[in-house]
C-alpha cells in the first residue's frame, strides 16, 4: 500500500506540474491532476486499524496532498480505541451531546493529550515555522482542524497562530474542533467571524443564501459554547431579518441544549421572549425540553398556560411532552393544579389538563372529573385510568414486551364512588369507576383490594339502572 501510494503521489505531482505549465488547458495532464485518487488510499488505511498504519501515516503528515487525509486516519484510530460508537442521530448536523463530558474531563486534567494529537501538532509546528509557504500554512490549518478534536493538552500559542492563519471559511471548523474537545472559545473570535460573514455578504449577497446560508450557520452554532453565552443575543439582534428567522437559527438553538454553561437556558428562553415565533418552532421546544431542570419545566408550564403554544400544530404530542415534565418534576404538580383551579377556560389551560391526563395521579384524575361534571369537557381517557391502576413491568421472557400488573387503587375507587350520582351517561365518576372494573376483569385485582369500592358507605355498586327497552313481560 505504501509503495502504491508513493507512486500515486509522485505521478500526481508530475501531472500537476505539467498541467500548470500548460495553463491548465484540457488534456490528459489536466484530467489526471483533477483526480488524485488519494481518498481511495485513505479508505484503505482507515480499514487497516493497526499500529503499523499509525506509524506510516505520521510520515505523510507534512505531505501537501495526503497530510490532511493521513491525520484523519490517525484521528479515526484514536476514536476507535477510546470512544464508543456513535449512533446515527446526526446524519446532517453536528453532535454536541458529548461536549459537557469533554469539558468536565478537560477541567480535571487540562494537560491530557493523545499520541495522535502530539504527532499532528508536531507536524503543524514545522509547517508554520518562519518562512513557511502559503501551501504549508493551509495544510497546517487543515491538520489543526483534525487535531483540535482530539485530546491535545494546552497548546494555546499554536492554536492562536492557526486561528490567525485560517481564512474565514475554515476558521469556524477549527473552532468547532476545539468545542468538541471540551474547550471554551472566546466570544470575540466568534463575533468577529459572524461580522466578517455579514460584511462580505454586503457585496456578495449569495453568501447568505447559497447552501441555505451554511457559512453563517457554521459560526452561529458556535455561540452557545463561548465564554460569554449571553452575548449570543446581541449577535442575533444585529443580523438581517431573514437570518433572524427561527428556521435559520435552528442549528444554534439545538446546540444551546447541549451547551454546558448555566446561562444557556436563559439565552434560549430570552430568545423566544424577544421573538415569539420561536414558540411555534419544533426545534426550540425540543431544546427547552431537553434542559430537564425544574426551572425550565416551570417556565414551559407557565408559557403553556399563557397561550404561547396555542398555535402549535400537534397538541397531542405537546400534551405528552408536558406529561413527561410532570412525571420528571413531581413538585411541579401543585403549581400546575393551582393554574387549573378555575378550570380549563383557555386553550393553554386545556393543554395543561390534557397533560394531566397523560401523567395522572389521584388528585389530577379527580380534578379532571370535576371539569367533566361542571363544564361538560372530557379530558380523561381509558389510558388515563390504565396508567393509575396498572403497571407495565418488562417481561423477563420476551425482549421488548411487558406484563400488565394491577396496582392497588382503593383510595381512588372510594373517592370515585362518593362522587357517583345515578350511574347514567352524565355520571362521569361512575363511568370511570366502571372502567377500573373492566381493567380489573382483564388483568386481575390486587389481593388487598375489595370488589366493592367502599362497602361501609352504604352506596350500591355497581349502580343498576332499569333497561329503558324492558317491558312488563320482560
Protein backbone atom coordinates (compact mmCIF):
# COMPACT_ATOMS: atom_id res chain seq x y z
CA UNK A 1 0.00 0.00 0.00
CA UNK A 2 2.81 2.40 0.84
CA UNK A 3 4.63 1.74 -2.40
CA UNK A 4 1.42 2.20 -4.37
CA UNK A 5 0.62 5.45 -2.54
CA UNK A 6 4.13 6.83 -3.08
CA UNK A 7 3.91 6.03 -6.76
CA UNK A 8 0.47 7.61 -6.99
CA UNK A 9 1.63 10.82 -5.27
CA UNK A 10 4.73 11.01 -7.47
CA UNK A 11 2.68 10.74 -10.64
CA UNK A 12 0.06 13.15 -9.29
CA UNK A 13 2.69 15.82 -8.60
CA UNK A 14 4.14 15.33 -12.08
CA UNK A 15 0.72 15.72 -13.72
CA UNK A 16 0.06 18.88 -11.67
CA UNK A 17 3.33 20.43 -12.79
CA UNK A 18 2.60 19.52 -16.41
CA UNK A 19 -0.95 20.88 -16.21
CA UNK A 20 0.24 24.08 -14.54
CA UNK A 21 2.85 24.61 -17.24
CA UNK A 22 0.16 24.18 -19.90
CA UNK A 23 -2.08 26.74 -18.21
CA UNK A 24 -4.49 24.01 -17.08
CA UNK A 25 -5.72 23.51 -20.63
CA UNK A 26 -7.92 20.50 -21.26
CA UNK A 27 -5.83 17.36 -21.74
CA UNK A 28 -4.55 14.21 -20.12
CA UNK A 29 -2.35 16.04 -17.61
CA UNK A 30 -5.22 18.29 -16.52
CA UNK A 31 -7.61 15.34 -16.23
CA UNK A 32 -5.16 13.33 -14.13
CA UNK A 33 -4.35 16.36 -11.95
CA UNK A 34 -8.04 16.70 -11.09
CA UNK A 35 -8.30 13.05 -9.99
CA UNK A 36 -5.68 12.45 -7.27
CA UNK A 37 -7.23 9.15 -6.10
CA UNK A 38 -5.89 9.88 -2.60
CA UNK A 39 -9.23 9.27 -0.88
CA UNK A 40 -9.20 5.70 -2.16
CA UNK A 41 -5.91 5.14 -0.39
CA UNK A 42 -7.24 6.82 2.76
CA UNK A 43 -10.23 4.45 2.83
CA UNK A 44 -7.86 1.50 2.65
CA UNK A 45 -5.72 2.80 5.53
CA UNK A 46 -8.86 3.54 7.58
CA UNK A 47 -9.79 -0.12 7.27
CA UNK A 48 -6.35 -1.34 8.41
CA UNK A 49 -6.56 -0.42 12.09
CA UNK A 50 -3.05 -1.39 13.15
CA UNK A 51 -0.06 0.31 14.83
CA UNK A 52 1.84 -0.03 11.56
CA UNK A 53 -0.79 2.12 9.85
CA UNK A 54 -0.49 4.83 12.51
CA UNK A 55 3.30 4.88 12.21
CA UNK A 56 3.07 5.09 8.43
CA UNK A 57 0.53 7.93 8.48
CA UNK A 58 2.85 10.06 10.59
CA UNK A 59 5.33 10.01 7.72
CA UNK A 60 2.80 11.77 5.46
CA UNK A 61 1.50 14.50 7.78
CA UNK A 62 3.53 17.21 6.05
CA UNK A 63 2.68 16.00 2.58
CA UNK A 64 0.70 18.69 0.76
CA UNK A 65 -1.57 16.21 -0.99
CA UNK A 66 -2.02 13.49 1.65
CA UNK A 67 -1.24 15.13 5.01
CA UNK A 68 -4.81 16.00 5.94
CA UNK A 69 -6.07 12.53 4.97
CA UNK A 70 -3.27 10.91 6.99
CA UNK A 71 -4.25 12.99 10.03
CA UNK A 72 -7.85 11.84 9.65
CA UNK A 73 -6.69 8.20 9.69
CA UNK A 74 -4.81 8.84 12.95
CA UNK A 75 -7.85 10.58 14.47
CA UNK A 76 -10.10 7.70 13.44
CA UNK A 77 -7.78 5.20 15.13
CA UNK A 78 -7.91 7.21 18.36
CA UNK A 79 -11.71 7.40 18.29
CA UNK A 80 -11.99 3.67 17.60
CA UNK A 81 -9.80 2.90 20.60
CA UNK A 82 -11.21 5.46 23.04
CA UNK A 83 -14.84 6.26 22.22
CA UNK A 84 -18.00 4.21 21.98
CA UNK A 85 -19.53 4.02 18.51
CA UNK A 86 -21.90 6.89 17.81
CA UNK A 87 -25.48 6.28 16.79
CA UNK A 88 -26.86 7.76 13.58
CA UNK A 89 -28.98 10.54 15.06
CA UNK A 90 -26.99 13.31 13.45
CA UNK A 91 -26.56 12.41 9.77
CA UNK A 92 -26.75 16.05 8.65
CA UNK A 93 -25.55 18.01 11.67
CA UNK A 94 -23.03 18.12 14.50
CA UNK A 95 -23.48 16.02 17.62
CA UNK A 96 -22.72 18.29 20.59
CA UNK A 97 -24.03 15.83 23.17
CA UNK A 98 -20.55 14.92 24.40
CA UNK A 99 -19.31 18.48 24.92
CA UNK A 100 -20.29 18.70 28.59
CA UNK A 101 -18.46 15.46 29.42
CA UNK A 102 -15.39 16.54 27.43
CA UNK A 103 -15.35 19.94 29.12
CA UNK A 104 -15.58 18.34 32.57
CA UNK A 105 -12.72 15.97 31.74
CA UNK A 106 -10.60 18.84 30.47
CA UNK A 107 -11.24 20.82 33.65
CA UNK A 108 -9.97 17.88 35.73
CA UNK A 109 -6.84 17.34 33.59
CA UNK A 110 -6.19 20.20 31.14
CA UNK A 111 -2.84 18.64 30.15
CA UNK A 112 -4.37 15.36 28.95
CA UNK A 113 -3.32 14.62 25.40
CA UNK A 114 -3.02 11.78 22.91
CA UNK A 115 -0.18 10.35 20.87
CA UNK A 116 -2.08 11.10 17.68
CA UNK A 117 -2.55 14.77 18.57
CA UNK A 118 1.10 15.06 19.59
CA UNK A 119 2.23 13.73 16.20
CA UNK A 120 -0.11 16.03 14.26
CA UNK A 121 0.81 19.14 16.26
CA UNK A 122 4.50 18.36 15.79
CA UNK A 123 3.89 18.47 12.05
CA UNK A 124 1.91 21.71 12.44
CA UNK A 125 4.80 23.39 14.28
CA UNK A 126 7.11 22.57 11.38
CA UNK A 127 4.61 23.80 8.82
CA UNK A 128 4.10 27.23 10.43
CA UNK A 129 7.76 27.93 11.17
CA UNK A 130 9.37 31.09 9.80
CA UNK A 131 9.48 31.13 6.03
CA UNK A 132 6.50 28.78 5.61
CA UNK A 133 4.77 28.90 2.23
CA UNK A 134 1.06 29.56 1.74
CA UNK A 135 0.54 25.90 0.91
CA UNK A 136 2.24 24.84 4.15
CA UNK A 137 0.13 27.26 6.20
CA UNK A 138 -3.01 25.98 4.52
CA UNK A 139 -2.07 22.39 5.35
CA UNK A 140 -1.25 23.39 8.93
CA UNK A 141 -4.77 24.78 9.38
CA UNK A 142 -6.29 21.61 7.89
CA UNK A 143 -4.23 19.48 10.29
CA UNK A 144 -5.30 21.72 13.18
CA UNK A 145 -8.98 21.12 12.37
CA UNK A 146 -8.38 17.38 12.71
CA UNK A 147 -6.12 17.50 15.78
CA UNK A 148 -8.23 20.02 17.69
CA UNK A 149 -10.99 17.42 18.15
CA UNK A 150 -8.60 15.05 19.94
CA UNK A 151 -7.27 15.42 23.49
CA UNK A 152 -4.38 17.78 22.82
CA UNK A 153 -3.28 19.29 26.12
CA UNK A 154 -2.60 23.02 26.33
CA UNK A 155 -1.47 24.43 23.01
CA UNK A 156 -2.89 27.95 23.22
CA UNK A 157 0.02 29.56 21.39
CA UNK A 158 -0.09 27.19 18.42
CA UNK A 159 -3.89 27.31 18.22
CA UNK A 160 -3.92 31.11 18.26
CA UNK A 161 -1.45 31.08 15.35
CA UNK A 162 -3.71 28.70 13.43
CA UNK A 163 -6.76 30.88 14.11
CA UNK A 164 -4.86 33.89 12.78
CA UNK A 165 -3.79 31.95 9.67
CA UNK A 166 -7.18 30.35 8.95
CA UNK A 167 -9.40 32.02 6.35
CA UNK A 168 -12.97 32.81 7.38
CA UNK A 169 -14.48 29.65 5.91
CA UNK A 170 -12.17 27.20 7.69
CA UNK A 171 -11.68 29.17 10.92
CA UNK A 172 -15.14 28.13 12.12
CA UNK A 173 -14.23 24.46 11.55
CA UNK A 174 -11.09 24.92 13.64
CA UNK A 175 -13.12 26.47 16.47
CA UNK A 176 -15.69 23.69 16.17
CA UNK A 177 -12.95 21.13 16.76
CA UNK A 178 -11.93 22.98 19.93
CA UNK A 179 -15.55 22.99 21.15
CA UNK A 180 -15.92 19.25 20.56
CA UNK A 181 -12.72 18.57 22.50
CA UNK A 182 -14.09 20.41 25.54
CA UNK A 183 -12.50 23.84 25.16
CA UNK A 184 -14.34 27.08 25.84
CA UNK A 185 -13.84 29.53 22.98
CA UNK A 186 -13.57 33.30 23.02
CA UNK A 187 -16.77 35.23 22.35
CA UNK A 188 -14.89 37.91 20.43
CA UNK A 189 -13.39 35.45 17.96
CA UNK A 190 -16.83 34.06 17.12
CA UNK A 191 -18.37 37.52 17.00
CA UNK A 192 -15.64 38.71 14.63
CA UNK A 193 -16.30 35.73 12.37
CA UNK A 194 -20.03 36.50 12.22
CA UNK A 195 -19.29 40.15 11.47
CA UNK A 196 -16.90 39.15 8.67
CA UNK A 197 -19.55 36.96 7.04
CA UNK A 198 -22.18 39.70 7.21
CA UNK A 199 -19.74 42.30 5.90
CA UNK A 200 -18.73 40.09 2.98
CA UNK A 201 -22.42 39.48 2.22
CA UNK A 202 -22.92 43.19 1.55
CA UNK A 203 -21.06 42.83 -1.74
CA UNK A 204 -21.74 39.11 -2.21
CA UNK A 205 -25.36 38.52 -1.10
CA UNK A 206 -25.22 34.90 -2.22
CA UNK A 207 -23.12 34.13 0.89
CA UNK A 208 -26.31 34.26 2.98
CA UNK A 209 -28.39 32.21 0.58
CA UNK A 210 -26.01 29.69 -1.00
CA UNK A 211 -26.49 26.26 0.61
CA UNK A 212 -29.10 27.87 2.85
CA UNK A 213 -26.54 30.19 4.42
CA UNK A 214 -24.37 27.39 5.79
CA UNK A 215 -21.31 29.63 6.16
CA UNK A 216 -23.11 31.92 8.60
CA UNK A 217 -24.80 28.97 10.33
CA UNK A 218 -21.40 27.38 10.95
CA UNK A 219 -20.48 30.43 13.03
CA UNK A 220 -23.83 30.75 14.78
CA UNK A 221 -23.72 27.17 16.08
CA UNK A 222 -20.53 28.10 18.00
CA UNK A 223 -22.23 30.85 20.04
CA UNK A 224 -23.60 28.51 22.76
CA UNK A 225 -20.05 27.42 23.61
CA UNK A 226 -18.34 30.80 24.00
CA UNK A 227 -17.15 32.11 27.35
CA UNK A 228 -20.00 34.67 27.43
CA UNK A 229 -23.09 32.87 26.03
CA UNK A 230 -25.47 35.73 26.82
CA UNK A 231 -23.69 37.77 24.15
CA UNK A 232 -25.28 35.48 21.57
CA UNK A 233 -28.47 37.52 21.80
CA UNK A 234 -26.65 40.69 20.76
CA UNK A 235 -25.25 38.99 17.66
CA UNK A 236 -28.69 37.69 16.70
CA UNK A 237 -30.26 41.14 17.10
CA UNK A 238 -27.71 42.64 14.70
CA UNK A 239 -28.37 40.17 11.88
CA UNK A 240 -30.62 40.86 8.87
CA UNK A 241 -34.31 39.94 9.34
CA UNK A 242 -34.12 36.88 7.06
CA UNK A 243 -31.30 35.44 9.19
CA UNK A 244 -33.23 36.03 12.43
CA UNK A 245 -35.97 33.64 11.31
CA UNK A 246 -36.38 30.73 13.80
CA UNK A 247 -35.83 28.22 11.00
CA UNK A 248 -32.48 29.80 10.10
CA UNK A 249 -31.34 29.71 13.74
CA UNK A 250 -32.32 26.09 14.41
CA UNK A 251 -28.70 24.90 14.47
CA UNK A 252 -27.77 27.42 17.15
CA UNK A 253 -30.96 26.68 19.11
CA UNK A 254 -30.30 22.94 19.09
CA UNK A 255 -26.71 23.48 20.24
CA UNK A 256 -27.87 25.59 23.21
CA UNK A 257 -29.45 22.48 24.75
CA UNK A 258 -26.02 20.78 24.82
CA UNK A 259 -24.01 23.78 25.99
CA UNK A 260 -22.50 23.17 29.45
CA UNK A 261 -22.95 26.80 30.54
CA UNK A 262 -25.70 27.51 33.03
CA UNK A 263 -26.56 30.62 31.03
CA UNK A 264 -27.77 28.62 28.02
CA UNK A 265 -31.24 28.11 29.46
CA UNK A 266 -31.68 31.83 29.99
CA UNK A 267 -30.45 32.58 26.47
CA UNK A 268 -32.90 30.14 24.91
CA UNK A 269 -35.93 31.48 26.77
CA UNK A 270 -34.85 35.08 26.22
CA UNK A 271 -34.55 34.39 22.50
CA UNK A 272 -38.24 33.41 22.34
CA UNK A 273 -39.26 36.22 24.67
CA UNK A 274 -37.84 38.70 22.17
CA UNK A 275 -39.26 36.82 19.17
CA UNK A 276 -42.44 34.80 19.98
CA UNK A 277 -42.18 32.98 16.64
CA UNK A 278 -39.79 30.59 18.40
CA UNK A 279 -42.68 29.24 20.50
CA UNK A 280 -44.07 27.71 17.32
CA UNK A 281 -40.75 26.17 16.28
CA UNK A 282 -40.35 22.44 16.96
CA UNK A 283 -36.57 22.68 17.36
CA UNK A 284 -36.91 25.40 20.01
CA UNK A 285 -39.44 23.41 22.02
CA UNK A 286 -37.32 20.25 21.76
CA UNK A 287 -34.30 22.18 23.02
CA UNK A 288 -36.02 23.69 26.07
CA UNK A 289 -37.49 20.31 26.99
CA UNK A 290 -34.01 18.76 26.90
CA UNK A 291 -32.73 21.03 29.69
CA UNK A 292 -34.62 18.90 32.18
CA UNK A 293 -34.24 21.41 35.01
CA UNK A 294 -37.02 22.36 37.47
CA UNK A 295 -36.74 25.99 36.36
CA UNK A 296 -37.12 25.19 32.66
CA UNK A 297 -40.04 22.83 33.38
CA UNK A 298 -41.90 25.52 35.32
CA UNK A 299 -41.29 28.10 32.62
CA UNK A 300 -42.67 25.74 29.96
CA UNK A 301 -45.80 25.12 32.03
CA UNK A 302 -46.28 28.87 32.57
CA UNK A 303 -45.80 29.54 28.86
CA UNK A 304 -48.39 26.88 28.05
CA UNK A 305 -50.87 28.43 30.45
CA UNK A 306 -50.28 31.87 28.93
CA UNK A 307 -51.15 30.59 25.46
CA UNK A 308 -47.65 30.74 23.97
CA UNK A 309 -48.12 27.33 22.31
CA UNK A 310 -51.77 27.68 21.30
CA UNK A 311 -50.90 27.84 17.61
CA UNK A 312 -48.66 24.78 17.55
CA UNK A 313 -49.98 22.07 15.26
CA UNK A 314 -49.62 18.82 17.20
CA UNK A 315 -51.38 19.43 20.52
CA UNK A 316 -51.47 15.72 21.35
CA UNK A 317 -47.68 15.46 21.09
CA UNK A 318 -47.16 18.60 23.18
CA UNK A 319 -49.52 17.26 25.87
CA UNK A 320 -47.38 14.11 26.04
CA UNK A 321 -44.21 16.18 26.43
CA UNK A 322 -45.82 18.22 29.21
CA UNK A 323 -46.93 15.00 30.87
CA UNK A 324 -43.33 13.77 30.85
CA UNK A 325 -42.28 17.01 32.55
CA UNK A 326 -44.85 16.49 35.29
CA UNK A 327 -43.59 12.96 35.90
CA UNK A 328 -39.96 14.12 35.97
CA UNK A 329 -40.69 17.00 38.37
CA UNK A 330 -43.32 15.94 40.95
CA UNK A 331 -43.10 19.30 42.72
CA UNK A 332 -44.48 20.89 39.56
CA UNK A 333 -47.90 19.29 40.06
CA UNK A 334 -49.03 21.62 42.82
CA UNK A 335 -48.18 24.66 40.68
CA UNK A 336 -49.93 23.19 37.65
CA UNK A 337 -53.06 22.33 39.65
CA UNK A 338 -53.15 25.88 41.03
CA UNK A 339 -53.16 27.18 37.45
CA UNK A 340 -56.13 24.91 36.70
CA UNK A 341 -58.15 25.75 39.80
CA UNK A 342 -60.51 27.95 37.80
CA UNK A 343 -60.94 25.30 35.13
CA UNK A 344 -59.57 24.87 31.60
CA UNK A 345 -61.04 28.16 30.43
CA UNK A 346 -58.42 28.92 27.75
CA UNK A 347 -56.71 26.77 25.10
CA UNK A 348 -53.47 26.91 27.07
CA UNK A 349 -55.10 25.69 30.27
CA UNK A 350 -56.91 22.99 28.32
CA UNK A 351 -53.49 21.85 27.10
CA UNK A 352 -52.34 21.55 30.71
CA UNK A 353 -55.45 19.50 31.50
CA UNK A 354 -54.54 17.12 28.66
CA UNK A 355 -51.05 16.88 30.10
CA UNK A 356 -52.51 15.82 33.46
CA UNK A 357 -54.47 13.11 31.63
CA UNK A 358 -51.17 11.90 30.10
CA UNK A 359 -49.44 11.71 33.51
CA UNK A 360 -52.18 11.44 36.12
CA UNK A 361 -52.12 11.00 39.85
CA UNK A 362 -55.14 10.57 42.09
CA UNK A 363 -55.68 14.30 42.67
CA UNK A 364 -55.18 15.01 38.97
CA UNK A 365 -57.83 12.50 37.91
CA UNK A 366 -60.36 13.85 40.40
CA UNK A 367 -59.65 17.36 39.11
CA UNK A 368 -60.32 16.27 35.53
CA UNK A 369 -63.53 14.52 36.54
CA UNK A 370 -64.62 17.73 38.25
CA UNK A 371 -64.12 19.58 34.96
CA UNK A 372 -66.20 16.93 33.21
CA UNK A 373 -69.01 17.25 35.74
CA UNK A 374 -69.07 21.04 35.86
CA UNK A 375 -68.06 22.08 32.34
CA UNK A 376 -69.04 19.02 30.29
CA UNK A 377 -65.47 18.75 28.92
CA UNK A 378 -63.85 15.33 28.85
CA UNK A 379 -60.08 15.04 29.25
CA UNK A 380 -59.89 11.59 30.82
CA UNK A 381 -59.33 8.59 28.53
CA UNK A 382 -59.12 4.88 29.21
CA UNK A 383 -55.33 5.25 29.02
CA UNK A 384 -55.51 7.78 31.86
CA UNK A 385 -57.28 5.25 34.06
CA UNK A 386 -54.98 2.44 32.94
CA UNK A 387 -51.89 4.41 34.00
CA UNK A 388 -53.32 4.81 37.51
CA UNK A 389 -54.45 1.25 38.22
CA UNK A 390 -51.85 -0.87 36.39
CA UNK A 391 -48.11 -1.02 35.98
CA UNK A 392 -46.22 -2.20 32.91
CA UNK A 393 -43.37 -4.45 34.03
CA UNK A 394 -40.77 -5.52 31.42
CA UNK A 395 -41.12 -9.19 30.59
CA UNK A 396 -38.30 -11.47 31.69
CA UNK A 397 -39.07 -13.92 28.90
CA UNK A 398 -39.58 -11.70 25.88
CA UNK A 399 -37.41 -8.71 24.97
CA UNK A 400 -39.41 -5.56 24.29
CA UNK A 401 -42.60 -6.98 25.82
CA UNK A 402 -44.12 -6.21 29.20
CA UNK A 403 -46.55 -7.68 31.71
CA UNK A 404 -49.54 -5.64 32.91
CA UNK A 405 -49.65 -5.83 36.69
CA UNK A 406 -52.56 -4.41 38.74
CA UNK A 407 -51.74 -1.62 41.19
CA UNK A 408 -53.84 -1.05 44.36
CA UNK A 409 -56.26 1.84 43.91
CA UNK A 410 -58.53 1.50 46.92
CA UNK A 411 -58.46 5.18 47.87
CA UNK A 412 -59.19 6.29 44.31
CA UNK A 413 -62.10 3.89 43.89
CA UNK A 414 -63.55 5.02 47.21
CA UNK A 415 -63.41 8.68 46.22
CA UNK A 416 -64.92 7.96 42.80
CA UNK A 417 -67.82 6.08 44.40
CA UNK A 418 -68.52 9.07 46.63
CA UNK A 419 -68.80 11.26 43.51
CA UNK A 420 -71.23 8.99 41.66
CA UNK A 421 -74.82 10.06 41.12
CA UNK A 422 -77.26 7.92 39.16
CA UNK A 423 -74.79 5.92 37.11
CA UNK A 424 -76.20 7.38 33.91
CA UNK A 425 -74.46 8.70 30.83
CA UNK A 426 -73.66 12.02 32.51
CA UNK A 427 -72.22 10.37 35.63
CA UNK A 428 -68.50 10.72 34.90
CA UNK A 429 -67.39 9.22 38.22
CA UNK A 430 -69.44 6.06 37.62
CA UNK A 431 -68.18 5.76 34.05
CA UNK A 432 -64.52 5.78 35.07
CA UNK A 433 -65.17 3.58 38.09
CA UNK A 434 -66.65 1.03 35.68
CA UNK A 435 -63.53 1.42 33.53
CA UNK A 436 -61.43 0.39 36.52
CA UNK A 437 -63.65 -2.67 36.99
CA UNK A 438 -63.20 -3.65 33.34
CA UNK A 439 -59.43 -3.33 33.68
CA UNK A 440 -59.57 -5.46 36.82
CA UNK A 441 -61.61 -8.10 34.99
CA UNK A 442 -58.93 -8.28 32.31
CA UNK A 443 -55.75 -8.06 34.37
CA UNK A 444 -56.85 -9.18 37.85
CA UNK A 445 -57.19 -7.39 41.16
CA UNK A 446 -54.57 -6.71 43.84
CA UNK A 447 -55.07 -9.11 46.75
CA UNK A 448 -55.85 -6.40 49.31
CA UNK A 449 -58.37 -4.53 47.15
CA UNK A 450 -62.06 -5.36 47.79
CA UNK A 451 -64.52 -5.83 44.96
CA UNK A 452 -66.81 -3.11 46.33
CA UNK A 453 -65.07 0.29 46.41
CA UNK A 454 -66.46 1.29 49.85
CA UNK A 455 -68.85 -1.13 51.49
CA UNK A 456 -69.31 0.87 54.75
CA UNK A 457 -70.59 3.85 52.72
CA UNK A 458 -73.84 2.07 52.02
CA UNK A 459 -73.78 3.11 48.35
CA UNK A 460 -74.59 0.40 45.87
CA UNK A 461 -72.02 -0.69 43.34
CA UNK A 462 -72.39 -1.29 40.52
CA UNK A 463 -75.21 1.20 40.05
CA UNK A 464 -78.01 -0.72 38.33
CA UNK A 465 -80.46 1.12 36.07
CA UNK A 466 -83.68 -0.23 34.53
CA UNK A 467 -83.44 -1.20 30.89
CA UNK A 468 -85.35 1.55 29.00
CA UNK A 469 -86.46 -1.04 26.45
CA UNK A 470 -87.75 -3.54 29.01
CA UNK A 471 -91.48 -4.43 29.16
CA UNK A 472 -93.71 -5.78 31.90
CA UNK A 473 -93.34 -9.19 30.37
CA UNK A 474 -89.58 -8.86 30.50
